[in-house]
């Protein structure tokens, strides 16, 4: 299972994320676990759009401060210079 670690308690355009391991570009999606900076986790689906872009659909979850976040989907782009993924849009 893949893991995507977001550098905040929720996802928004501009949020940074880390996806360990090699990204494949075969167009498939995989089951993943979304991790957030406060320790919250949520089931997710991670799919590759190209070598530099992915989408992630995150199930509803609750932050450590008990804020309910509904299911959402996001598009991320890889920044080769910074070696990090950046959320670019809600989809």
PDB file of N, CA and C in Angstrom:
ATOM      1  N   UNK A   1       0.843  -1.185   0.000  1.00  0.00           N
ATOM      2  CA  UNK A   1       0.000   0.000   0.000  1.00  0.00           C
ATOM      3  C   UNK A   1       0.884   1.243   0.000  1.00  0.00           C
ATOM      4  N   UNK A   2       0.500   2.205  -0.801  1.00  0.00           N
ATOM      5  CA  UNK A   2       1.217   3.476  -0.849  1.00  0.00           C
ATOM      6  C   UNK A   2       0.764   4.381   0.295  1.00  0.00           C
ATOM      7  N   UNK A   3       1.628   5.271   0.682  1.00  0.00           N
ATOM      8  CA  UNK A   3       1.321   6.276   1.688  1.00  0.00           C
ATOM      9  C   UNK A   3       1.586   7.647   1.090  1.00  0.00           C
ATOM     10  N   UNK A   4       0.702   8.588   1.382  1.00  0.00           N
ATOM     11  CA  UNK A   4       0.933   9.973   1.002  1.00  0.00           C
ATOM     12  C   UNK A   4       0.840  10.796   2.281  1.00  0.00           C
ATOM     13  N   UNK A   5       1.911  11.488   2.604  1.00  0.00           N
ATOM     14  CA  UNK A   5       1.989  12.269   3.844  1.00  0.00           C
ATOM     15  C   UNK A   5       1.850  13.748   3.531  1.00  0.00           C
ATOM     16  N   UNK A   6       0.764  14.327   4.039  1.00  0.00           N
ATOM     17  CA  UNK A   6       0.529  15.756   3.845  1.00  0.00           C
ATOM     18  C   UNK A   6       1.184  16.529   4.982  1.00  0.00           C
ATOM     19  N   UNK A   7       1.711  17.694   4.689  1.00  0.00           N
ATOM     20  CA  UNK A   7       2.458  18.492   5.647  1.00  0.00           C
ATOM     21  C   UNK A   7       1.555  19.444   6.435  1.00  0.00           C
ATOM     22  N   UNK A   8       0.272  19.125   6.509  1.00  0.00           N
ATOM     23  CA  UNK A   8      -0.696  19.924   7.262  1.00  0.00           C
ATOM     24  C   UNK A   8      -1.792  18.990   7.756  1.00  0.00           C
ATOM     25  N   UNK A   9      -2.755  19.539   8.504  1.00  0.00           N
ATOM     26  CA  UNK A   9      -3.838  18.730   9.061  1.00  0.00           C
ATOM     27  C   UNK A   9      -4.966  18.490   8.066  1.00  0.00           C
ATOM     28  N   UNK A  10      -4.960  19.230   6.962  1.00  0.00           N
ATOM     29  CA  UNK A  10      -5.950  19.060   5.903  1.00  0.00           C
ATOM     30  C   UNK A  10      -5.300  19.461   4.585  1.00  0.00           C
ATOM     31  N   UNK A  11      -5.988  19.176   3.487  1.00  0.00           N
ATOM     32  CA  UNK A  11      -5.436  19.431   2.153  1.00  0.00           C
ATOM     33  C   UNK A  11      -6.072  20.693   1.576  1.00  0.00           C
ATOM     34  N   UNK A  12      -5.270  21.478   0.871  1.00  0.00           N
ATOM     35  CA  UNK A  12      -5.708  22.716   0.236  1.00  0.00           C
ATOM     36  C   UNK A  12      -4.708  23.041  -0.874  1.00  0.00           C
ATOM     37  N   UNK A  13      -5.086  23.859  -1.866  1.00  0.00           N
ATOM     38  CA  UNK A  13      -4.137  24.234  -2.908  1.00  0.00           C
ATOM     39  C   UNK A  13      -2.897  24.890  -2.288  1.00  0.00           C
ATOM     40  N   UNK A  14      -1.743  24.403  -2.653  1.00  0.00           N
ATOM     41  CA  UNK A  14      -0.478  24.894  -2.109  1.00  0.00           C
ATOM     42  C   UNK A  14       0.090  23.994  -1.030  1.00  0.00           C
ATOM     43  N   UNK A  15      -0.732  23.109  -0.477  1.00  0.00           N
ATOM     44  CA  UNK A  15      -0.270  22.171   0.551  1.00  0.00           C
ATOM     45  C   UNK A  15       0.799  21.251  -0.045  1.00  0.00           C
ATOM     46  N   UNK A  16       1.799  20.926   0.760  1.00  0.00           N
ATOM     47  CA  UNK A  16       2.878  20.052   0.320  1.00  0.00           C
ATOM     48  C   UNK A  16       2.642  18.638   0.809  1.00  0.00           C
ATOM     49  N   UNK A  17       3.185  17.665   0.056  1.00  0.00           N
ATOM     50  CA  UNK A  17       3.014  16.262   0.416  1.00  0.00           C
ATOM     51  C   UNK A  17       4.243  15.467  -0.012  1.00  0.00           C
ATOM     52  N   UNK A  18       4.434  14.346   0.664  1.00  0.00           N
ATOM     53  CA  UNK A  18       5.513  13.423   0.336  1.00  0.00           C
ATOM     54  C   UNK A  18       4.893  12.085  -0.044  1.00  0.00           C
ATOM     55  N   UNK A  19       5.338  11.531  -1.161  1.00  0.00           N
ATOM     56  CA  UNK A  19       4.919  10.197  -1.584  1.00  0.00           C
ATOM     57  C   UNK A  19       6.188   9.364  -1.701  1.00  0.00           C
ATOM     58  N   UNK A  20       6.472   8.515  -0.691  1.00  0.00           N
ATOM     59  CA  UNK A  20       7.697   7.716  -0.736  1.00  0.00           C
ATOM     60  C   UNK A  20       7.651   6.703  -1.881  1.00  0.00           C
ATOM     61  N   UNK A  21       8.805   6.398  -2.410  1.00  0.00           N
ATOM     62  CA  UNK A  21       8.895   5.385  -3.457  1.00  0.00           C
ATOM     63  C   UNK A  21       8.765   5.959  -4.844  1.00  0.00           C
ATOM     64  N   UNK A  22       8.905   5.084  -5.796  1.00  0.00           N
ATOM     65  CA  UNK A  22       8.866   5.468  -7.196  1.00  0.00           C
ATOM     66  C   UNK A  22       7.425   5.606  -7.673  1.00  0.00           C
ATOM     67  N   UNK A  23       7.182   6.636  -8.457  1.00  0.00           N
ATOM     68  CA  UNK A  23       5.865   6.863  -9.035  1.00  0.00           C
ATOM     69  C   UNK A  23       5.826   6.223 -10.408  1.00  0.00           C
ATOM     70  N   UNK A  24       4.829   5.403 -10.634  1.00  0.00           N
ATOM     71  CA  UNK A  24       4.659   4.759 -11.936  1.00  0.00           C
ATOM     72  C   UNK A  24       3.720   5.598 -12.793  1.00  0.00           C
ATOM     73  N   UNK A  25       3.843   5.491 -14.089  1.00  0.00           N
ATOM     74  CA  UNK A  25       2.999   6.288 -14.985  1.00  0.00           C
ATOM     75  C   UNK A  25       2.099   5.399 -15.829  1.00  0.00           C
ATOM     76  N   UNK A  26       1.743   4.229 -15.315  1.00  0.00           N
ATOM     77  CA  UNK A  26       0.948   3.305 -16.119  1.00  0.00           C
ATOM     78  C   UNK A  26      -0.543   3.619 -16.126  1.00  0.00           C
ATOM     79  N   UNK A  27      -0.953   4.711 -15.475  1.00  0.00           N
ATOM     80  CA  UNK A  27      -2.342   5.138 -15.502  1.00  0.00           C
ATOM     81  C   UNK A  27      -3.243   4.432 -14.509  1.00  0.00           C
ATOM     82  N   UNK A  28      -2.705   3.581 -13.682  1.00  0.00           N
ATOM     83  CA  UNK A  28      -3.532   2.869 -12.713  1.00  0.00           C
ATOM     84  C   UNK A  28      -3.671   3.674 -11.434  1.00  0.00           C
ATOM     85  N   UNK A  29      -4.615   3.268 -10.620  1.00  0.00           N
ATOM     86  CA  UNK A  29      -4.740   3.857  -9.285  1.00  0.00           C
ATOM     87  C   UNK A  29      -4.591   2.740  -8.271  1.00  0.00           C
ATOM     88  N   UNK A  30      -4.161   3.108  -7.075  1.00  0.00           N
ATOM     89  CA  UNK A  30      -3.904   2.125  -6.031  1.00  0.00           C
ATOM     90  C   UNK A  30      -4.517   2.597  -4.719  1.00  0.00           C
ATOM     91  N   UNK A  31      -4.751   1.647  -3.847  1.00  0.00           N
ATOM     92  CA  UNK A  31      -5.191   1.956  -2.499  1.00  0.00           C
ATOM     93  C   UNK A  31      -4.029   2.607  -1.759  1.00  0.00           C
ATOM     94  N   UNK A  32      -4.334   3.626  -0.979  1.00  0.00           N
ATOM     95  CA  UNK A  32      -3.279   4.346  -0.271  1.00  0.00           C
ATOM     96  C   UNK A  32      -3.785   4.747   1.112  1.00  0.00           C
ATOM     97  N   UNK A  33      -2.870   5.228   1.910  1.00  0.00           N
ATOM     98  CA  UNK A  33      -3.197   5.779   3.215  1.00  0.00           C
ATOM     99  C   UNK A  33      -2.717   7.227   3.228  1.00  0.00           C
ATOM    100  N   UNK A  34      -3.643   8.158   3.491  1.00  0.00           N
ATOM    101  CA  UNK A  34      -3.283   9.569   3.630  1.00  0.00           C
ATOM    102  C   UNK A  34      -2.955   9.822   5.096  1.00  0.00           C
ATOM    103  N   UNK A  35      -1.796  10.405   5.334  1.00  0.00           N
ATOM    104  CA  UNK A  35      -1.378  10.763   6.693  1.00  0.00           C
ATOM    105  C   UNK A  35      -1.289  12.278   6.780  1.00  0.00           C
ATOM    106  N   UNK A  36      -1.670  12.823   7.937  1.00  0.00           N
ATOM    107  CA  UNK A  36      -1.669  14.266   8.127  1.00  0.00           C
ATOM    108  C   UNK A  36      -0.745  14.647   9.279  1.00  0.00           C
ATOM    109  N   UNK A  37      -0.353  15.912   9.347  1.00  0.00           N
ATOM    110  CA  UNK A  37       0.663  16.362  10.305  1.00  0.00           C
ATOM    111  C   UNK A  37       0.242  16.206  11.762  1.00  0.00           C
ATOM    112  N   UNK A  38      -1.058  16.093  12.025  1.00  0.00           N
ATOM    113  CA  UNK A  38      -1.531  15.932  13.405  1.00  0.00           C
ATOM    114  C   UNK A  38      -1.681  14.465  13.812  1.00  0.00           C
ATOM    115  N   UNK A  39      -1.281  13.548  12.922  1.00  0.00           N
ATOM    116  CA  UNK A  39      -1.379  12.128  13.218  1.00  0.00           C
ATOM    117  C   UNK A  39      -2.631  11.463  12.690  1.00  0.00           C
ATOM    118  N   UNK A  40      -3.594  12.243  12.196  1.00  0.00           N
ATOM    119  CA  UNK A  40      -4.812  11.666  11.623  1.00  0.00           C
ATOM    120  C   UNK A  40      -4.458  10.924  10.335  1.00  0.00           C
ATOM    121  N   UNK A  41      -5.247   9.897  10.015  1.00  0.00           N
ATOM    122  CA  UNK A  41      -5.064   9.146   8.780  1.00  0.00           C
ATOM    123  C   UNK A  41      -6.428   8.914   8.141  1.00  0.00           C
ATOM    124  N   UNK A  42      -6.413   8.616   6.844  1.00  0.00           N
ATOM    125  CA  UNK A  42      -7.653   8.319   6.126  1.00  0.00           C
ATOM    126  C   UNK A  42      -7.336   7.409   4.952  1.00  0.00           C
ATOM    127  N   UNK A  43      -8.233   6.475   4.643  1.00  0.00           N
ATOM    128  CA  UNK A  43      -8.071   5.689   3.426  1.00  0.00           C
ATOM    129  C   UNK A  43      -8.111   6.621   2.222  1.00  0.00           C
ATOM    130  N   UNK A  44      -7.357   6.259   1.192  1.00  0.00           N
ATOM    131  CA  UNK A  44      -7.288   7.104   0.002  1.00  0.00           C
ATOM    132  C   UNK A  44      -7.071   6.246  -1.238  1.00  0.00           C
ATOM    133  N   UNK A  45      -7.268   6.864  -2.374  1.00  0.00           N
ATOM    134  CA  UNK A  45      -6.948   6.264  -3.662  1.00  0.00           C
ATOM    135  C   UNK A  45      -5.967   7.207  -4.343  1.00  0.00           C
ATOM    136  N   UNK A  46      -4.866   6.656  -4.823  1.00  0.00           N
ATOM    137  CA  UNK A  46      -3.812   7.440  -5.461  1.00  0.00           C
ATOM    138  C   UNK A  46      -3.694   6.991  -6.901  1.00  0.00           C
ATOM    139  N   UNK A  47      -3.754   7.935  -7.828  1.00  0.00           N
ATOM    140  CA  UNK A  47      -3.666   7.598  -9.244  1.00  0.00           C
ATOM    141  C   UNK A  47      -2.713   8.512  -9.974  1.00  0.00           C
ATOM    142  N   UNK A  48      -2.036   7.968 -10.954  1.00  0.00           N
ATOM    143  CA  UNK A  48      -1.040   8.729 -11.692  1.00  0.00           C
ATOM    144  C   UNK A  48      -1.622   9.242 -12.984  1.00  0.00           C
ATOM    145  N   UNK A  49      -1.491  10.544 -13.205  1.00  0.00           N
ATOM    146  CA  UNK A  49      -1.937  11.182 -14.431  1.00  0.00           C
ATOM    147  C   UNK A  49      -0.790  11.288 -15.427  1.00  0.00           C
ATOM    148  N   UNK A  50       0.407  11.487 -14.914  1.00  0.00           N
ATOM    149  CA  UNK A  50       1.641  11.524 -15.709  1.00  0.00           C
ATOM    150  C   UNK A  50       2.782  11.313 -14.721  1.00  0.00           C
ATOM    151  N   UNK A  51       4.006  11.381 -15.184  1.00  0.00           N
ATOM    152  CA  UNK A  51       5.145  11.194 -14.284  1.00  0.00           C
ATOM    153  C   UNK A  51       5.211  12.297 -13.234  1.00  0.00           C
ATOM    154  N   UNK A  52       4.693  13.480 -13.563  1.00  0.00           N
ATOM    155  CA  UNK A  52       4.778  14.635 -12.663  1.00  0.00           C
ATOM    156  C   UNK A  52       3.452  15.034 -12.029  1.00  0.00           C
ATOM    157  N   UNK A  53       2.351  14.321 -12.322  1.00  0.00           N
ATOM    158  CA  UNK A  53       1.060  14.678 -11.752  1.00  0.00           C
ATOM    159  C   UNK A  53       0.305  13.436 -11.293  1.00  0.00           C
ATOM    160  N   UNK A  54      -0.334  13.570 -10.128  1.00  0.00           N
ATOM    161  CA  UNK A  54      -1.156  12.499  -9.567  1.00  0.00           C
ATOM    162  C   UNK A  54      -2.465  13.081  -9.078  1.00  0.00           C
ATOM    163  N   UNK A  55      -3.441  12.199  -8.855  1.00  0.00           N
ATOM    164  CA  UNK A  55      -4.643  12.612  -8.151  1.00  0.00           C
ATOM    165  C   UNK A  55      -4.742  11.761  -6.901  1.00  0.00           C
ATOM    166  N   UNK A  56      -5.370  12.305  -5.892  1.00  0.00           N
ATOM    167  CA  UNK A  56      -5.624  11.547  -4.676  1.00  0.00           C
ATOM    168  C   UNK A  56      -7.056  11.834  -4.231  1.00  0.00           C
ATOM    169  N   UNK A  57      -7.802  10.764  -3.993  1.00  0.00           N
ATOM    170  CA  UNK A  57      -9.142  10.869  -3.435  1.00  0.00           C
ATOM    171  C   UNK A  57      -9.035  10.406  -1.989  1.00  0.00           C
ATOM    172  N   UNK A  58      -9.405  11.266  -1.062  1.00  0.00           N
ATOM    173  CA  UNK A  58      -9.266  10.982   0.365  1.00  0.00           C
ATOM    174  C   UNK A  58     -10.650  10.817   0.976  1.00  0.00           C
ATOM    175  N   UNK A  59     -10.867   9.687   1.653  1.00  0.00           N
ATOM    176  CA  UNK A  59     -12.130   9.459   2.354  1.00  0.00           C
ATOM    177  C   UNK A  59     -12.305  10.507   3.451  1.00  0.00           C
ATOM    178  N   UNK A  60     -13.527  10.659   3.919  1.00  0.00           N
ATOM    179  CA  UNK A  60     -13.808  11.567   5.037  1.00  0.00           C
ATOM    180  C   UNK A  60     -12.992  11.130   6.254  1.00  0.00           C
ATOM    181  N   UNK A  61     -12.551  12.102   7.032  1.00  0.00           N
ATOM    182  CA  UNK A  61     -11.782  11.801   8.241  1.00  0.00           C
ATOM    183  C   UNK A  61     -11.982  12.915   9.255  1.00  0.00           C
ATOM    184  N   UNK A  62     -11.483  12.691  10.459  1.00  0.00           N
ATOM    185  CA  UNK A  62     -11.566  13.673  11.534  1.00  0.00           C
ATOM    186  C   UNK A  62     -10.157  14.037  11.977  1.00  0.00           C
ATOM    187  N   UNK A  63      -9.862  15.327  12.067  1.00  0.00           N
ATOM    188  CA  UNK A  63      -8.545  15.784  12.512  1.00  0.00           C
ATOM    189  C   UNK A  63      -8.387  15.513  14.006  1.00  0.00           C
ATOM    190  N   UNK A  64      -7.185  15.694  14.498  1.00  0.00           N
ATOM    191  CA  UNK A  64      -6.914  15.503  15.930  1.00  0.00           C
ATOM    192  C   UNK A  64      -7.728  16.474  16.790  1.00  0.00           C
ATOM    193  N   UNK A  65      -8.080  17.615  16.231  1.00  0.00           N
ATOM    194  CA  UNK A  65      -8.900  18.599  16.967  1.00  0.00           C
ATOM    195  C   UNK A  65     -10.394  18.365  16.771  1.00  0.00           C
ATOM    196  N   UNK A  66     -10.744  17.201  16.210  1.00  0.00           N
ATOM    197  CA  UNK A  66     -12.127  16.763  16.044  1.00  0.00           C
ATOM    198  C   UNK A  66     -12.883  17.509  14.939  1.00  0.00           C
ATOM    199  N   UNK A  67     -12.184  18.092  13.980  1.00  0.00           N
ATOM    200  CA  UNK A  67     -12.833  18.718  12.836  1.00  0.00           C
ATOM    201  C   UNK A  67     -13.103  17.650  11.790  1.00  0.00           C
ATOM    202  N   UNK A  68     -14.348  17.547  11.340  1.00  0.00           N
ATOM    203  CA  UNK A  68     -14.708  16.560  10.321  1.00  0.00           C
ATOM    204  C   UNK A  68     -14.384  17.129   8.940  1.00  0.00           C
ATOM    205  N   UNK A  69     -13.633  16.381   8.164  1.00  0.00           N
ATOM    206  CA  UNK A  69     -13.283  16.769   6.798  1.00  0.00           C
ATOM    207  C   UNK A  69     -13.983  15.787   5.855  1.00  0.00           C
ATOM    208  N   UNK A  70     -14.833  16.269   4.952  1.00  0.00           N
ATOM    209  CA  UNK A  70     -15.534  15.357   4.043  1.00  0.00           C
ATOM    210  C   UNK A  70     -14.610  14.790   2.966  1.00  0.00           C
ATOM    211  N   UNK A  71     -15.069  13.755   2.290  1.00  0.00           N
ATOM    212  CA  UNK A  71     -14.303  13.166   1.188  1.00  0.00           C
ATOM    213  C   UNK A  71     -14.059  14.225   0.117  1.00  0.00           C
ATOM    214  N   UNK A  72     -12.835  14.254  -0.385  1.00  0.00           N
ATOM    215  CA  UNK A  72     -12.462  15.199  -1.444  1.00  0.00           C
ATOM    216  C   UNK A  72     -11.408  14.550  -2.335  1.00  0.00           C
ATOM    217  N   UNK A  73     -11.238  15.126  -3.525  1.00  0.00           N
ATOM    218  CA  UNK A  73     -10.203  14.672  -4.452  1.00  0.00           C
ATOM    219  C   UNK A  73      -9.349  15.869  -4.870  1.00  0.00           C
ATOM    220  N   UNK A  74      -8.047  15.608  -5.058  1.00  0.00           N
ATOM    221  CA  UNK A  74      -7.079  16.667  -5.327  1.00  0.00           C
ATOM    222  C   UNK A  74      -6.113  16.250  -6.422  1.00  0.00           C
ATOM    223  N   UNK A  75      -5.588  17.234  -7.114  1.00  0.00           N
ATOM    224  CA  UNK A  75      -4.547  17.030  -8.124  1.00  0.00           C
ATOM    225  C   UNK A  75      -3.243  17.590  -7.570  1.00  0.00           C
ATOM    226  N   UNK A  76      -2.161  16.818  -7.694  1.00  0.00           N
ATOM    227  CA  UNK A  76      -0.851  17.229  -7.191  1.00  0.00           C
ATOM    228  C   UNK A  76       0.167  17.196  -8.321  1.00  0.00           C
ATOM    229  N   UNK A  77       1.147  18.090  -8.245  1.00  0.00           N
ATOM    230  CA  UNK A  77       2.226  18.148  -9.227  1.00  0.00           C
ATOM    231  C   UNK A  77       3.559  18.021  -8.490  1.00  0.00           C
ATOM    232  N   UNK A  78       4.476  17.285  -9.086  1.00  0.00           N
ATOM    233  CA  UNK A  78       5.791  17.073  -8.486  1.00  0.00           C
ATOM    234  C   UNK A  78       6.715  18.235  -8.818  1.00  0.00           C
ATOM    235  N   UNK A  79       7.381  18.774  -7.806  1.00  0.00           N
ATOM    236  CA  UNK A  79       8.376  19.833  -7.979  1.00  0.00           C
ATOM    237  C   UNK A  79       9.745  19.182  -7.907  1.00  0.00           C
ATOM    238  N   UNK A  80      10.395  19.032  -9.055  1.00  0.00           N
ATOM    239  CA  UNK A  80      11.685  18.347  -9.123  1.00  0.00           C
ATOM    240  C   UNK A  80      12.779  19.092  -8.359  1.00  0.00           C
ATOM    241  N   UNK A  81      12.728  20.403  -8.363  1.00  0.00           N
ATOM    242  CA  UNK A  81      13.750  21.203  -7.683  1.00  0.00           C
ATOM    243  C   UNK A  81      13.681  20.993  -6.170  1.00  0.00           C
ATOM    244  N   UNK A  82      12.470  21.038  -5.618  1.00  0.00           N
ATOM    245  CA  UNK A  82      12.288  20.880  -4.177  1.00  0.00           C
ATOM    246  C   UNK A  82      12.124  19.416  -3.750  1.00  0.00           C
ATOM    247  N   UNK A  83      11.947  18.513  -4.733  1.00  0.00           N
ATOM    248  CA  UNK A  83      11.728  17.085  -4.480  1.00  0.00           C
ATOM    249  C   UNK A  83      10.532  16.874  -3.551  1.00  0.00           C
ATOM    250  N   UNK A  84       9.392  17.469  -3.936  1.00  0.00           N
ATOM    251  CA  UNK A  84       8.182  17.370  -3.121  1.00  0.00           C
ATOM    252  C   UNK A  84       6.954  17.511  -4.029  1.00  0.00           C
ATOM    253  N   UNK A  85       5.843  16.982  -3.574  1.00  0.00           N
ATOM    254  CA  UNK A  85       4.578  17.115  -4.289  1.00  0.00           C
ATOM    255  C   UNK A  85       3.819  18.315  -3.738  1.00  0.00           C
ATOM    256  N   UNK A  86       3.116  19.031  -4.638  1.00  0.00           N
ATOM    257  CA  UNK A  86       2.356  20.213  -4.232  1.00  0.00           C
ATOM    258  C   UNK A  86       0.930  20.086  -4.769  1.00  0.00           C
ATOM    259  N   UNK A  87      -0.049  20.325  -3.898  1.00  0.00           N
ATOM    260  CA  UNK A  87      -1.452  20.294  -4.303  1.00  0.00           C
ATOM    261  C   UNK A  87      -1.715  21.501  -5.198  1.00  0.00           C
ATOM    262  N   UNK A  88      -2.269  21.254  -6.403  1.00  0.00           N
ATOM    263  CA  UNK A  88      -2.503  22.362  -7.315  1.00  0.00           C
ATOM    264  C   UNK A  88      -3.983  22.687  -7.517  1.00  0.00           C
ATOM    265  N   UNK A  89      -4.875  21.715  -7.243  1.00  0.00           N
ATOM    266  CA  UNK A  89      -6.294  22.002  -7.431  1.00  0.00           C
ATOM    267  C   UNK A  89      -7.172  20.917  -6.826  1.00  0.00           C
ATOM    268  N   UNK A  90      -8.366  21.315  -6.437  1.00  0.00           N
ATOM    269  CA  UNK A  90      -9.396  20.365  -6.032  1.00  0.00           C
ATOM    270  C   UNK A  90     -10.061  19.863  -7.316  1.00  0.00           C
ATOM    271  N   UNK A  91     -10.358  18.584  -7.373  1.00  0.00           N
ATOM    272  CA  UNK A  91     -11.024  18.040  -8.574  1.00  0.00           C
ATOM    273  C   UNK A  91     -12.303  17.327  -8.198  1.00  0.00           C
TER     274      UNK A  91
END
